[in-house]
């Protein structure tokens, strides 16, 4: 809030003096920023653009979208090589790996190694191979992650109701999901809960089988966890509505670590990183690269330090699981 108020105050002063933040000082060449998206614009991009405007950085945005098709990424990389922007911003693990490659394994012929790459919405940047050390990326790649610490998630669940068993369905072919389940498993004993983890079966091509989801939800429901957990998993996210709908058939509440599941799928409660705020944090790193001329290798990968507790009131009413008054004092309640 302090940063936002100061930035807004500076913006008002500059406008009074006749400065246009969309174009910068008279004659100043705008920074060219190539935005490579996975599935269209999100709140993260809106937060990024808002913050960049408040900083007064002259920016020319170039928008490209993979449209959820990894086969499009090589063409996006080729175009980026031809455009030579000042900064490439990527959304998600698939796009970022396709653009920048894995740490220590990037191929200059197939990936970008000589233009700063700034990512966001990558839940496991180290486990997915993007950076060897998030605190010191040591290459032309840095960014932000929406990951919420496991301890904070379990604390959020227990603020709502007691927890002894937590169910989770995950894609064993997704490194983000595998890393998150591993963290949950490692913390289950110290945090005193049983993790009921259920991997999706894979087909001959190594892809998860969506047809197995109803049976997996049913199998977990019979083991009576207090919550079904949805974490950072692209495949599970794609099928979130089906999973939540099936869970509600068994009166099994869903906890989500993702904002999208809380907004549109019927998950009952979640502790999430707001995409808009994550976009603003990403813009701070863009300013360091573009205006302060810092090298991405020296800019740590970071997450937000404050998270949003969200409750879906209509789902809580349907299940008869009303939140404690203490939780309502700080939660955002949605319908």
Protein backbone atom coordinates (compact mmCIF):
# COMPACT_ATOMS: atom_id res chain seq x y z
CA UNK A 1 0.00 0.00 0.00
CA UNK A 2 2.88 2.38 0.86
CA UNK A 3 4.46 1.74 -2.55
CA UNK A 4 1.14 2.24 -4.35
CA UNK A 5 0.40 5.53 -2.56
CA UNK A 6 3.87 6.90 -3.26
CA UNK A 7 3.70 5.86 -6.91
CA UNK A 8 0.30 7.47 -7.31
CA UNK A 9 1.51 10.68 -5.65
CA UNK A 10 4.47 10.87 -8.02
CA UNK A 11 2.18 10.16 -10.97
CA UNK A 12 -0.14 13.04 -10.02
CA UNK A 13 2.83 15.39 -9.71
CA UNK A 14 4.24 14.36 -13.10
CA UNK A 15 0.87 14.78 -14.79
CA UNK A 16 0.64 18.27 -13.28
CA UNK A 17 3.99 19.09 -14.87
CA UNK A 18 2.77 17.86 -18.23
CA UNK A 19 4.45 14.42 -18.21
CA UNK A 20 2.64 11.57 -19.95
CA UNK A 21 3.60 8.25 -18.27
CA UNK A 22 2.47 6.28 -21.31
CA UNK A 23 5.22 7.86 -23.40
CA UNK A 24 7.80 9.08 -20.86
CA UNK A 25 9.85 12.21 -21.32
CA UNK A 26 9.70 14.02 -24.63
CA UNK A 27 11.78 12.14 -27.17
CA UNK A 28 12.45 9.24 -24.81
CA UNK A 29 12.41 5.95 -26.67
CA UNK A 30 9.93 3.47 -25.12
CA UNK A 31 11.12 0.13 -23.83
CA UNK A 32 9.86 -2.71 -26.01
CA UNK A 33 8.35 -5.48 -23.86
CA UNK A 34 7.23 -8.71 -25.51
CA UNK A 35 4.40 -10.34 -23.52
CA UNK A 36 4.18 -14.08 -24.21
CA UNK A 37 0.98 -15.53 -22.73
CA UNK A 38 -0.35 -19.05 -22.32
CA UNK A 39 -4.10 -18.43 -22.46
CA UNK A 40 -4.88 -14.77 -23.03
CA UNK A 41 -4.62 -11.81 -20.70
CA UNK A 42 -5.24 -12.35 -16.99
CA UNK A 43 -5.35 -10.22 -13.86
CA UNK A 44 -1.56 -10.66 -13.64
CA UNK A 45 -1.08 -8.71 -16.86
CA UNK A 46 -3.50 -6.03 -15.72
CA UNK A 47 -1.54 -5.59 -12.48
CA UNK A 48 1.70 -5.49 -14.44
CA UNK A 49 0.45 -2.81 -16.83
CA UNK A 50 -1.07 -0.71 -14.04
CA UNK A 51 2.18 -0.73 -12.08
CA UNK A 52 4.32 0.07 -15.11
CA UNK A 53 2.10 3.07 -15.88
CA UNK A 54 2.40 4.28 -12.28
CA UNK A 55 6.19 3.97 -12.46
CA UNK A 56 6.14 6.30 -15.47
CA UNK A 57 8.18 3.95 -17.62
CA UNK A 58 7.60 4.44 -21.35
CA UNK A 59 6.70 0.99 -22.64
CA UNK A 60 5.63 -0.43 -25.96
CA UNK A 61 3.84 -3.71 -25.26
CA UNK A 62 3.87 -6.44 -27.90
CA UNK A 63 1.31 -9.16 -27.16
CA UNK A 64 1.50 -12.77 -28.29
CA UNK A 65 -0.51 -15.79 -27.10
CA UNK A 66 0.27 -19.53 -27.26
CA UNK A 67 -3.48 -20.22 -26.87
CA UNK A 68 -2.72 -23.22 -24.64
CA UNK A 69 -0.86 -24.92 -27.47
CA UNK A 70 2.80 -25.77 -26.71
CA UNK A 71 3.40 -26.36 -30.43
CA UNK A 72 3.14 -22.60 -30.96
CA UNK A 73 6.00 -21.77 -28.61
CA UNK A 74 8.91 -22.37 -31.06
CA UNK A 75 7.37 -19.84 -33.46
CA UNK A 76 7.03 -17.34 -30.61
CA UNK A 77 10.70 -17.86 -29.77
CA UNK A 78 11.70 -17.34 -33.40
CA UNK A 79 9.70 -14.11 -33.53
CA UNK A 80 11.28 -12.92 -30.27
CA UNK A 81 14.74 -13.49 -31.75
CA UNK A 82 13.76 -11.39 -34.75
CA UNK A 83 12.10 -8.60 -32.75
CA UNK A 84 14.93 -8.27 -30.19
CA UNK A 85 12.77 -6.61 -27.47
CA UNK A 86 14.30 -5.10 -24.36
CA UNK A 87 12.43 -7.58 -22.15
CA UNK A 88 10.43 -10.78 -22.64
CA UNK A 89 7.69 -11.45 -20.08
CA UNK A 90 6.29 -14.98 -19.93
CA UNK A 91 3.23 -16.48 -18.25
CA UNK A 92 3.42 -19.99 -16.79
CA UNK A 93 5.88 -22.85 -16.72
CA UNK A 94 5.29 -24.22 -20.24
CA UNK A 95 5.85 -20.90 -22.00
CA UNK A 96 8.83 -19.95 -19.83
CA UNK A 97 10.61 -23.29 -20.30
CA UNK A 98 9.93 -23.13 -24.03
CA UNK A 99 11.34 -19.62 -24.24
CA UNK A 100 14.28 -19.79 -21.82
CA UNK A 101 14.98 -23.51 -21.49
CA UNK A 102 16.09 -25.21 -18.31
CA UNK A 103 18.89 -23.78 -16.20
CA UNK A 104 22.24 -25.03 -17.49
CA UNK A 105 20.58 -26.73 -20.48
CA UNK A 106 19.31 -23.86 -22.61
CA UNK A 107 20.06 -24.17 -26.32
CA UNK A 108 20.88 -20.75 -27.87
CA UNK A 109 19.60 -22.02 -31.21
CA UNK A 110 16.18 -22.98 -29.84
CA UNK A 111 15.74 -20.72 -26.80
CA UNK A 112 16.43 -17.16 -25.67
CA UNK A 113 19.74 -16.77 -23.87
CA UNK A 114 20.71 -13.16 -24.63
CA UNK A 115 17.53 -11.17 -23.83
CA UNK A 116 16.20 -10.72 -20.27
CA UNK A 117 13.29 -13.09 -19.54
CA UNK A 118 10.88 -12.27 -16.71
CA UNK A 119 8.29 -14.87 -15.77
CA UNK A 120 5.20 -14.96 -13.56
CA UNK A 121 2.66 -17.61 -12.49
CA UNK A 122 5.30 -20.35 -12.25
CA UNK A 123 4.53 -22.29 -9.05
CA UNK A 124 7.77 -24.30 -8.85
CA UNK A 125 10.56 -22.42 -10.65
CA UNK A 126 13.36 -24.45 -9.06
CA UNK A 127 11.74 -27.89 -9.29
CA UNK A 128 10.72 -27.31 -12.92
CA UNK A 129 14.33 -26.49 -13.78
CA UNK A 130 13.99 -22.80 -14.63
CA UNK A 131 16.45 -21.65 -11.97
CA UNK A 132 18.96 -23.60 -9.94
CA UNK A 133 18.69 -21.19 -7.02
CA UNK A 134 15.70 -18.81 -6.73
CA UNK A 135 17.70 -16.41 -4.58
CA UNK A 136 20.34 -16.04 -7.31
CA UNK A 137 19.13 -17.17 -10.76
CA UNK A 138 22.61 -16.67 -12.30
CA UNK A 139 21.30 -16.41 -15.87
CA UNK A 140 19.10 -14.11 -17.93
CA UNK A 141 15.91 -15.36 -16.22
CA UNK A 142 14.08 -14.25 -13.08
CA UNK A 143 10.46 -13.78 -12.06
CA UNK A 144 7.68 -14.28 -9.55
CA UNK A 145 5.85 -17.32 -8.24
CA UNK A 146 2.31 -17.63 -6.90
CA UNK A 147 3.29 -20.41 -4.51
CA UNK A 148 1.83 -20.22 -1.01
CA UNK A 149 3.94 -21.98 1.66
CA UNK A 150 2.55 -25.35 2.79
CA UNK A 151 2.59 -24.26 6.42
CA UNK A 152 0.41 -21.25 5.61
CA UNK A 153 -2.03 -23.41 3.66
CA UNK A 154 -2.44 -25.94 6.46
CA UNK A 155 -2.86 -23.15 8.98
CA UNK A 156 -5.56 -21.64 6.76
CA UNK A 157 -7.41 -24.95 6.56
CA UNK A 158 -7.26 -25.43 10.33
CA UNK A 159 -8.55 -21.92 10.88
CA UNK A 160 -11.74 -23.14 9.23
CA UNK A 161 -12.08 -26.67 10.68
CA UNK A 162 -9.87 -29.36 12.23
CA UNK A 163 -7.65 -31.29 9.83
CA UNK A 164 -6.38 -34.84 10.21
CA UNK A 165 -6.70 -36.08 6.59
CA UNK A 166 -6.14 -34.12 3.40
CA UNK A 167 -7.00 -35.58 -0.01
CA UNK A 168 -5.26 -34.55 -3.22
CA UNK A 169 -5.48 -35.70 -6.84
CA UNK A 170 -2.52 -34.76 -9.00
CA UNK A 171 -0.88 -35.21 -12.37
CA UNK A 172 2.33 -37.25 -11.91
CA UNK A 173 3.61 -35.94 -15.27
CA UNK A 174 3.50 -32.30 -14.13
CA UNK A 175 6.71 -31.24 -12.27
CA UNK A 176 4.87 -28.35 -10.57
CA UNK A 177 2.25 -30.71 -9.19
CA UNK A 178 4.74 -33.39 -8.18
CA UNK A 179 6.84 -30.80 -6.35
CA UNK A 180 3.82 -29.45 -4.50
CA UNK A 181 2.64 -32.92 -3.42
CA UNK A 182 6.17 -33.74 -2.28
CA UNK A 183 6.17 -30.63 -0.09
CA UNK A 184 2.79 -31.60 1.36
CA UNK A 185 4.05 -35.13 2.03
CA UNK A 186 7.24 -33.88 3.70
CA UNK A 187 5.29 -31.57 5.99
CA UNK A 188 2.44 -33.96 6.80
CA UNK A 189 4.16 -35.60 9.78
CA UNK A 190 5.49 -32.39 11.38
CA UNK A 191 2.11 -30.70 10.85
CA UNK A 192 0.24 -33.80 12.06
CA UNK A 193 -2.04 -34.70 9.18
CA UNK A 194 -2.33 -37.68 6.85
CA UNK A 195 -1.90 -36.94 3.16
CA UNK A 196 -4.18 -39.05 0.97
CA UNK A 197 -2.45 -38.47 -2.35
CA UNK A 198 -3.90 -40.00 -5.49
CA UNK A 199 -1.94 -39.73 -8.78
CA UNK A 200 -3.86 -39.75 -12.03
CA UNK A 201 -3.23 -42.78 -14.26
CA UNK A 202 -1.41 -41.98 -17.51
CA UNK A 203 -2.18 -43.19 -21.01
CA UNK A 204 0.37 -44.67 -23.42
CA UNK A 205 1.46 -41.19 -24.45
CA UNK A 206 2.21 -40.29 -20.81
CA UNK A 207 -0.80 -37.97 -20.54
CA UNK A 208 -3.21 -38.03 -17.56
CA UNK A 209 -6.56 -39.71 -18.13
CA UNK A 210 -9.41 -37.29 -17.42
CA UNK A 211 -11.93 -40.16 -17.49
CA UNK A 212 -10.42 -41.44 -14.23
CA UNK A 213 -11.25 -38.29 -12.26
CA UNK A 214 -14.77 -39.27 -11.00
CA UNK A 215 -13.51 -42.59 -9.63
CA UNK A 216 -10.51 -40.95 -7.95
CA UNK A 217 -12.72 -38.37 -6.23
CA UNK A 218 -15.08 -41.16 -5.12
CA UNK A 219 -12.16 -43.23 -3.82
CA UNK A 220 -10.83 -40.32 -1.79
CA UNK A 221 -14.27 -39.38 -0.46
CA UNK A 222 -14.64 -42.89 0.99
CA UNK A 223 -11.52 -42.24 3.07
CA UNK A 224 -13.25 -39.20 4.60
CA UNK A 225 -10.70 -36.39 4.36
CA UNK A 226 -11.76 -33.05 5.81
CA UNK A 227 -10.83 -31.36 2.52
CA UNK A 228 -9.99 -32.20 -1.07
CA UNK A 229 -6.98 -30.08 -1.98
CA UNK A 230 -6.36 -28.43 -5.36
CA UNK A 231 -2.85 -27.12 -5.84
CA UNK A 232 -0.77 -25.76 -8.74
CA UNK A 233 -1.52 -28.35 -11.41
CA UNK A 234 -2.39 -27.30 -14.97
CA UNK A 235 -4.33 -30.48 -15.79
CA UNK A 236 -6.31 -30.40 -12.54
CA UNK A 237 -6.96 -26.71 -13.14
CA UNK A 238 -8.33 -27.46 -16.60
CA UNK A 239 -10.77 -29.96 -15.04
CA UNK A 240 -11.44 -28.03 -11.84
CA UNK A 241 -15.19 -27.65 -12.35
CA UNK A 242 -15.68 -31.37 -12.91
CA UNK A 243 -13.57 -32.23 -9.86
CA UNK A 244 -15.34 -29.78 -7.56
CA UNK A 245 -18.77 -30.82 -8.82
CA UNK A 246 -17.92 -34.46 -8.12
CA UNK A 247 -16.55 -33.62 -4.66
CA UNK A 248 -19.72 -31.76 -3.73
CA UNK A 249 -21.75 -34.86 -4.60
CA UNK A 250 -20.00 -36.50 -1.65
CA UNK A 251 -20.29 -33.37 0.49
CA UNK A 252 -16.52 -33.07 0.38
CA UNK A 253 -15.35 -29.45 0.63
CA UNK A 254 -12.53 -28.28 -1.61
CA UNK A 255 -9.60 -26.14 -0.50
CA UNK A 256 -7.69 -24.35 -3.25
CA UNK A 257 -4.26 -22.73 -3.41
CA UNK A 258 -5.26 -21.08 -6.71
CA UNK A 259 -7.32 -17.94 -7.15
CA UNK A 260 -9.06 -19.14 -10.31
CA UNK A 261 -10.56 -22.22 -8.61
CA UNK A 262 -11.93 -19.97 -5.90
CA UNK A 263 -13.49 -17.59 -8.40
CA UNK A 264 -15.21 -19.91 -10.84
CA UNK A 265 -15.30 -23.56 -9.81
CA UNK A 266 -17.08 -23.81 -6.47
CA UNK A 267 -14.13 -24.49 -4.16
CA UNK A 268 -15.24 -23.61 -0.62
CA UNK A 269 -12.14 -22.00 0.84
CA UNK A 270 -8.66 -21.06 -0.29
CA UNK A 271 -5.48 -19.21 0.55
CA UNK A 272 -4.17 -17.69 -2.66
CA UNK A 273 -1.74 -15.27 -4.24
CA UNK A 274 -3.77 -12.62 -6.02
CA UNK A 275 -2.77 -12.60 -9.69
CA UNK A 276 -3.20 -8.82 -9.86
CA UNK A 277 -0.79 -8.24 -6.97
CA UNK A 278 1.64 -10.80 -8.41
CA UNK A 279 1.59 -8.83 -11.65
CA UNK A 280 2.52 -5.68 -9.74
CA UNK A 281 5.41 -7.49 -8.04
CA UNK A 282 6.57 -8.65 -11.48
CA UNK A 283 6.47 -5.03 -12.67
CA UNK A 284 8.88 -4.06 -9.89
CA UNK A 285 11.38 -6.53 -11.33
CA UNK A 286 10.75 -5.20 -14.83
CA UNK A 287 11.61 -1.72 -13.57
CA UNK A 288 14.84 -3.06 -12.09
CA UNK A 289 15.79 -4.55 -15.46
CA UNK A 290 14.67 -1.72 -17.74
CA UNK A 291 15.25 1.44 -15.69
CA UNK A 292 17.90 0.38 -13.20
CA UNK A 293 19.77 -1.80 -15.70
CA UNK A 294 20.05 -4.71 -13.31
CA UNK A 295 20.91 -8.13 -14.68
CA UNK A 296 18.19 -10.77 -14.13
CA UNK A 297 20.88 -13.11 -12.78
CA UNK A 298 21.16 -10.81 -9.75
CA UNK A 299 17.42 -10.41 -9.13
CA UNK A 300 15.89 -13.10 -6.88
CA UNK A 301 12.72 -14.98 -7.76
CA UNK A 302 10.07 -13.98 -5.22
CA UNK A 303 6.51 -14.62 -4.12
CA UNK A 304 4.08 -12.30 -2.41
CA UNK A 305 4.50 -12.01 1.34
CA UNK A 306 0.77 -11.60 1.96
CA UNK A 307 -1.98 -13.90 0.76
CA UNK A 308 -5.76 -13.69 0.42
CA UNK A 309 -8.13 -15.95 2.38
CA UNK A 310 -11.29 -16.48 0.34
CA UNK A 311 -14.54 -18.21 1.33
CA UNK A 312 -17.35 -19.19 -1.02
CA UNK A 313 -20.45 -18.48 1.08
CA UNK A 314 -22.95 -20.37 -1.10
CA UNK A 315 -20.85 -23.56 -1.01
CA UNK A 316 -20.36 -23.28 2.75
CA UNK A 317 -24.12 -22.94 3.17
CA UNK A 318 -24.79 -25.88 0.87
CA UNK A 319 -22.46 -28.10 2.92
CA UNK A 320 -23.52 -26.67 6.29
CA UNK A 321 -19.89 -25.82 7.06
CA UNK A 322 -20.06 -22.25 8.27
CA UNK A 323 -16.78 -20.41 8.90
CA UNK A 324 -15.80 -19.33 12.40
CA UNK A 325 -16.38 -15.67 13.20
CA UNK A 326 -12.65 -15.22 13.74
CA UNK A 327 -12.02 -16.18 10.10
CA UNK A 328 -14.74 -13.86 8.81
CA UNK A 329 -12.90 -10.93 10.37
CA UNK A 330 -10.18 -11.14 7.70
CA UNK A 331 -11.55 -13.33 4.89
CA UNK A 332 -13.00 -12.18 1.59
CA UNK A 333 -16.43 -13.76 1.19
CA UNK A 334 -17.68 -14.44 -2.33
CA UNK A 335 -20.85 -16.03 -3.70
